[in-house]
C-alpha atoms as a PDB file:
ATOM      1  CA  UNK A   1      13.803   7.416  12.307  1.00  0.00           C
ATOM      2  CA  UNK A   2      11.728   4.449  13.431  1.00  0.00           C
ATOM      3  CA  UNK A   3       8.655   6.670  13.849  1.00  0.00           C
ATOM      4  CA  UNK A   4       8.903   7.703  10.196  1.00  0.00           C
ATOM      5  CA  UNK A   5       9.199   4.085   9.010  1.00  0.00           C
ATOM      6  CA  UNK A   6       5.866   3.188  10.565  1.00  0.00           C
ATOM      7  CA  UNK A   7       4.149   6.065   8.735  1.00  0.00           C
ATOM      8  CA  UNK A   8       5.835   5.639   5.356  1.00  0.00           C
ATOM      9  CA  UNK A   9       3.580   2.836   4.065  1.00  0.00           C
ATOM     10  CA  UNK A  10       0.224   4.497   4.875  1.00  0.00           C
ATOM     11  CA  UNK A  11       1.522   7.867   3.632  1.00  0.00           C
ATOM     12  CA  UNK A  12       2.700   6.288   0.369  1.00  0.00           C
ATOM     13  CA  UNK A  13      -0.662   4.580  -0.213  1.00  0.00           C
ATOM     14  CA  UNK A  14      -2.547   7.789   0.560  1.00  0.00           C
ATOM     15  CA  UNK A  15      -0.290   9.739  -1.808  1.00  0.00           C
ATOM     16  CA  UNK A  16      -1.011   7.231  -4.582  1.00  0.00           C
ATOM     17  CA  UNK A  17      -4.739   7.492  -3.948  1.00  0.00           C
ATOM     18  CA  UNK A  18      -4.628  11.296  -4.021  1.00  0.00           C
ATOM     19  CA  UNK A  19      -2.323  11.667  -7.012  1.00  0.00           C
ATOM     20  CA  UNK A  20      -3.447   8.778  -9.197  1.00  0.00           C
ATOM     21  CA  UNK A  21      -6.931   7.559  -8.308  1.00  0.00           C
ATOM     22  CA  UNK A  22      -8.463  10.957  -7.567  1.00  0.00           C
ATOM     23  CA  UNK A  23      -6.928  12.422 -10.721  1.00  0.00           C
ATOM     24  CA  UNK A  24      -9.091  10.020 -12.710  1.00  0.00           C
ATOM     25  CA  UNK A  25     -12.230  10.429 -10.591  1.00  0.00           C
ATOM     26  CA  UNK A  26     -12.271  14.200 -10.080  1.00  0.00           C
ATOM     27  CA  UNK A  27     -13.597  15.015 -13.591  1.00  0.00           C
ATOM     28  CA  UNK A  28     -16.639  12.855 -12.880  1.00  0.00           C
ATOM     29  CA  UNK A  29     -17.187  14.550  -9.502  1.00  0.00           C
ATOM     30  CA  UNK A  30     -16.904  18.016 -11.093  1.00  0.00           C
ATOM     31  CA  UNK A  31     -19.335  17.161 -13.892  1.00  0.00           C
ATOM     32  CA  UNK A  32     -21.781  15.483 -11.502  1.00  0.00           C
ATOM     33  CA  UNK A  33     -21.667  18.515  -9.179  1.00  0.00           C
ATOM     34  CA  UNK A  34     -22.441  20.881 -12.059  1.00  0.00           C
ATOM     35  CA  UNK A  35     -25.297  18.614 -13.121  1.00  0.00           C
ATOM     36  CA  UNK A  36     -26.821  18.567  -9.633  1.00  0.00           C
ATOM     37  CA  UNK A  37     -26.478  22.351  -9.237  1.00  0.00           C
ATOM     38  CA  UNK A  38     -28.179  22.970 -12.585  1.00  0.00           C
ATOM     39  CA  UNK A  39     -30.969  20.509 -11.766  1.00  0.00           C
ATOM     40  CA  UNK A  40     -31.479  22.158  -8.358  1.00  0.00           C
ATOM     41  CA  UNK A  41     -31.743  25.556 -10.063  1.00  0.00           C
ATOM     42  CA  UNK A  42     -34.412  24.185 -12.351  1.00  0.00           C
ATOM     43  CA  UNK A  43     -36.396  22.931  -9.360  1.00  0.00           C
ATOM     44  CA  UNK A  44     -36.125  26.190  -7.365  1.00  0.00           C
ATOM     45  CA  UNK A  45     -39.339  27.592  -5.977  1.00  0.00           C
ATOM     46  CA  UNK A  46     -40.484  31.078  -6.972  1.00  0.00           C
ATOM     47  CA  UNK A  47     -39.206  32.661  -3.742  1.00  0.00           C
ATOM     48  CA  UNK A  48     -35.645  31.456  -4.390  1.00  0.00           C
ATOM     49  CA  UNK A  49     -35.814  32.561  -8.048  1.00  0.00           C
ATOM     50  CA  UNK A  50     -36.962  36.027  -6.989  1.00  0.00           C
ATOM     51  CA  UNK A  51     -34.076  36.283  -4.512  1.00  0.00           C
ATOM     52  CA  UNK A  52     -31.608  35.401  -7.281  1.00  0.00           C
ATOM     53  CA  UNK A  53     -33.171  37.867  -9.720  1.00  0.00           C
ATOM     54  CA  UNK A  54     -33.065  40.749  -7.218  1.00  0.00           C
ATOM     55  CA  UNK A  55     -29.497  40.024  -6.208  1.00  0.00           C
ATOM     56  CA  UNK A  56     -27.171  42.991  -5.912  1.00  0.00           C
ATOM     57  CA  UNK A  57     -24.713  41.176  -8.199  1.00  0.00           C
ATOM     58  CA  UNK A  58     -26.702  39.582 -11.064  1.00  0.00           C
ATOM     59  CA  UNK A  59     -23.662  39.190 -13.341  1.00  0.00           C
ATOM     60  CA  UNK A  60     -21.741  37.369 -10.607  1.00  0.00           C
ATOM     61  CA  UNK A  61     -24.657  34.965 -10.133  1.00  0.00           C
ATOM     62  CA  UNK A  62     -24.971  34.487 -13.886  1.00  0.00           C
ATOM     63  CA  UNK A  63     -21.253  33.763 -14.326  1.00  0.00           C
ATOM     64  CA  UNK A  64     -21.321  31.095 -11.608  1.00  0.00           C
ATOM     65  CA  UNK A  65     -24.306  29.334 -13.130  1.00  0.00           C
ATOM     66  CA  UNK A  66     -23.156  29.801 -16.730  1.00  0.00           C
ATOM     67  CA  UNK A  67     -19.863  28.041 -15.985  1.00  0.00           C
ATOM     68  CA  UNK A  68     -21.827  25.141 -14.512  1.00  0.00           C
ATOM     69  CA  UNK A  69     -23.700  25.031 -17.812  1.00  0.00           C
ATOM     70  CA  UNK A  70     -20.448  25.057 -19.779  1.00  0.00           C
ATOM     71  CA  UNK A  71     -19.051  22.244 -17.632  1.00  0.00           C
ATOM     72  CA  UNK A  72     -22.242  20.220 -18.062  1.00  0.00           C
ATOM     73  CA  UNK A  73     -22.356  20.727 -21.837  1.00  0.00           C
ATOM     74  CA  UNK A  74     -18.659  20.006 -22.355  1.00  0.00           C
ATOM     75  CA  UNK A  75     -19.015  16.223 -22.330  1.00  0.00           C
ATOM     76  CA  UNK A  76     -21.962  16.002 -24.767  1.00  0.00           C
ATOM     77  CA  UNK A  77     -20.196  18.420 -27.137  1.00  0.00           C
ATOM     78  CA  UNK A  78     -16.934  16.454 -26.922  1.00  0.00           C
ATOM     79  CA  UNK A  79     -18.830  13.193 -27.532  1.00  0.00           C
ATOM     80  CA  UNK A  80     -20.488  14.705 -30.600  1.00  0.00           C
ATOM     81  CA  UNK A  81     -17.145  15.961 -31.930  1.00  0.00           C
ATOM     82  CA  UNK A  82     -15.557  12.547 -31.319  1.00  0.00           C
ATOM     83  CA  UNK A  83     -18.339  10.755 -33.213  1.00  0.00           C
ATOM     84  CA  UNK A  84     -18.073  13.194 -36.132  1.00  0.00           C
ATOM     85  CA  UNK A  85     -14.297  12.649 -36.259  1.00  0.00           C
ATOM     86  CA  UNK A  86     -14.758   8.876 -36.169  1.00  0.00           C
ATOM     87  CA  UNK A  87     -17.417   8.839 -38.876  1.00  0.00           C
ATOM     88  CA  UNK A  88     -15.413  11.261 -41.016  1.00  0.00           C
ATOM     89  CA  UNK A  89     -12.382   9.005 -40.782  1.00  0.00           C
ATOM     90  CA  UNK A  90     -14.368   5.885 -41.589  1.00  0.00           C
ATOM     91  CA  UNK A  91     -15.875   7.432 -44.721  1.00  0.00           C
ATOM     92  CA  UNK A  92     -12.509   8.693 -45.973  1.00  0.00           C
ATOM     93  CA  UNK A  93     -10.669   5.388 -45.418  1.00  0.00           C
ATOM     94  CA  UNK A  94      -8.593   6.680 -42.498  1.00  0.00           C
ATOM     95  CA  UNK A  95     -10.170   4.327 -39.970  1.00  0.00           C
ATOM     96  CA  UNK A  96      -7.064   3.709 -37.847  1.00  0.00           C
ATOM     97  CA  UNK A  97      -6.264   7.404 -37.589  1.00  0.00           C
ATOM     98  CA  UNK A  98      -9.914   8.247 -36.926  1.00  0.00           C
ATOM     99  CA  UNK A  99     -10.089   5.684 -34.132  1.00  0.00           C
ATOM    100  CA  UNK A 100      -6.968   7.135 -32.512  1.00  0.00           C
ATOM    101  CA  UNK A 101      -8.272  10.697 -32.765  1.00  0.00           C
ATOM    102  CA  UNK A 102     -11.653   9.509 -31.452  1.00  0.00           C
ATOM    103  CA  UNK A 103     -10.051   8.021 -28.334  1.00  0.00           C
ATOM    104  CA  UNK A 104      -7.784  11.047 -27.800  1.00  0.00           C
ATOM    105  CA  UNK A 105     -10.760  13.394 -28.142  1.00  0.00           C
ATOM    106  CA  UNK A 106     -12.693  11.442 -25.528  1.00  0.00           C
ATOM    107  CA  UNK A 107      -9.721  11.446 -23.145  1.00  0.00           C
ATOM    108  CA  UNK A 108      -9.123  15.163 -23.650  1.00  0.00           C
ATOM    109  CA  UNK A 109     -12.819  15.889 -23.175  1.00  0.00           C
ATOM    110  CA  UNK A 110     -13.004  13.826 -19.997  1.00  0.00           C
ATOM    111  CA  UNK A 111     -10.156  15.748 -18.366  1.00  0.00           C
ATOM    112  CA  UNK A 112     -11.103  19.152 -19.813  1.00  0.00           C
ATOM    113  CA  UNK A 113     -13.652  19.699 -17.039  1.00  0.00           C
ATOM    114  CA  UNK A 114     -10.744  20.038 -14.606  1.00  0.00           C
ATOM    115  CA  UNK A 115      -9.487  23.108 -16.481  1.00  0.00           C
ATOM    116  CA  UNK A 116     -13.003  24.487 -16.890  1.00  0.00           C
ATOM    117  CA  UNK A 117     -13.630  24.116 -13.164  1.00  0.00           C
ATOM    118  CA  UNK A 118     -10.274  25.666 -12.308  1.00  0.00           C
ATOM    119  CA  UNK A 119     -11.096  28.659 -14.504  1.00  0.00           C
ATOM    120  CA  UNK A 120     -14.550  28.950 -12.904  1.00  0.00           C
ATOM    121  CA  UNK A 121     -13.111  28.823  -9.394  1.00  0.00           C
ATOM    122  CA  UNK A 122     -10.435  31.405 -10.244  1.00  0.00           C
ATOM    123  CA  UNK A 123     -12.972  33.741 -11.786  1.00  0.00           C
ATOM    124  CA  UNK A 124     -15.333  33.386  -8.832  1.00  0.00           C
ATOM    125  CA  UNK A 125     -12.472  34.018  -6.424  1.00  0.00           C
ATOM    126  CA  UNK A 126     -11.524  37.234  -8.243  1.00  0.00           C
ATOM    127  CA  UNK A 127     -15.131  38.408  -8.416  1.00  0.00           C
ATOM    128  CA  UNK A 128     -15.678  37.622  -4.736  1.00  0.00           C
ATOM    129  CA  UNK A 129     -12.599  39.650  -3.811  1.00  0.00           C
ATOM    130  CA  UNK A 130     -13.849  42.556  -5.918  1.00  0.00           C
ATOM    131  CA  UNK A 131     -17.313  42.398  -4.344  1.00  0.00           C
ATOM    132  CA  UNK A 132     -15.883  42.281  -0.830  1.00  0.00           C
ATOM    133  CA  UNK A 133     -13.518  45.198  -1.518  1.00  0.00           C
ATOM    134  CA  UNK A 134     -16.468  47.202  -2.817  1.00  0.00           C
ATOM    135  CA  UNK A 135     -18.510  46.390   0.297  1.00  0.00           C
ATOM    136  CA  UNK A 136     -15.607  47.317   2.588  1.00  0.00           C
ATOM    137  CA  UNK A 137     -15.028  50.597   0.774  1.00  0.00           C
ATOM    138  CA  UNK A 138     -18.728  51.481   1.081  1.00  0.00           C
ATOM    139  CA  UNK A 139     -18.656  50.713   4.805  1.00  0.00           C
ATOM    140  CA  UNK A 140     -15.486  52.793   5.234  1.00  0.00           C
ATOM    141  CA  UNK A 141     -17.049  55.748   3.414  1.00  0.00           C
ATOM    142  CA  UNK A 142     -20.228  55.412   5.444  1.00  0.00           C
ATOM    143  CA  UNK A 143     -18.323  55.349   8.748  1.00  0.00           C
ATOM    144  CA  UNK A 144     -16.153  58.340   7.886  1.00  0.00           C
ATOM    145  CA  UNK A 145     -19.196  60.472   6.958  1.00  0.00           C
ATOM    146  CA  UNK A 146     -20.891  59.656  10.263  1.00  0.00           C
ATOM    147  CA  UNK A 147     -17.838  60.644  12.284  1.00  0.00           C
ATOM    148  CA  UNK A 148     -17.490  64.115  10.719  1.00  0.00           C
END
């Protein structure tokens, strides 16, 4: 029991960091990662672009990059929607309600990238499994024809 007591404090602090602090910082990390990946794609040399264009799975590549685009665009779109809501409320004399909806829209938009990223990762996982199953089945067919 004494060995657990010495580890309880550091474990509790680490749990708070993981569950509280990282919950608020992960949307920024996701959005920043999508931004860097999109910028790197823009700066690709012609050889890398040709390799992507001649890929055996162009839709898979497109889906991965398109979701990065959706993640990147989510915050500007949410900011635009929030401003429109705020201005609409100010011009219709619902300023207090508009301010509340403005703040809630910004909060929702900030954390929405978590769900977008989760959907992207799930979709990529499913597509990767499908691609690997297809490759394995082709190898199995190839091996069985050679043996006969």
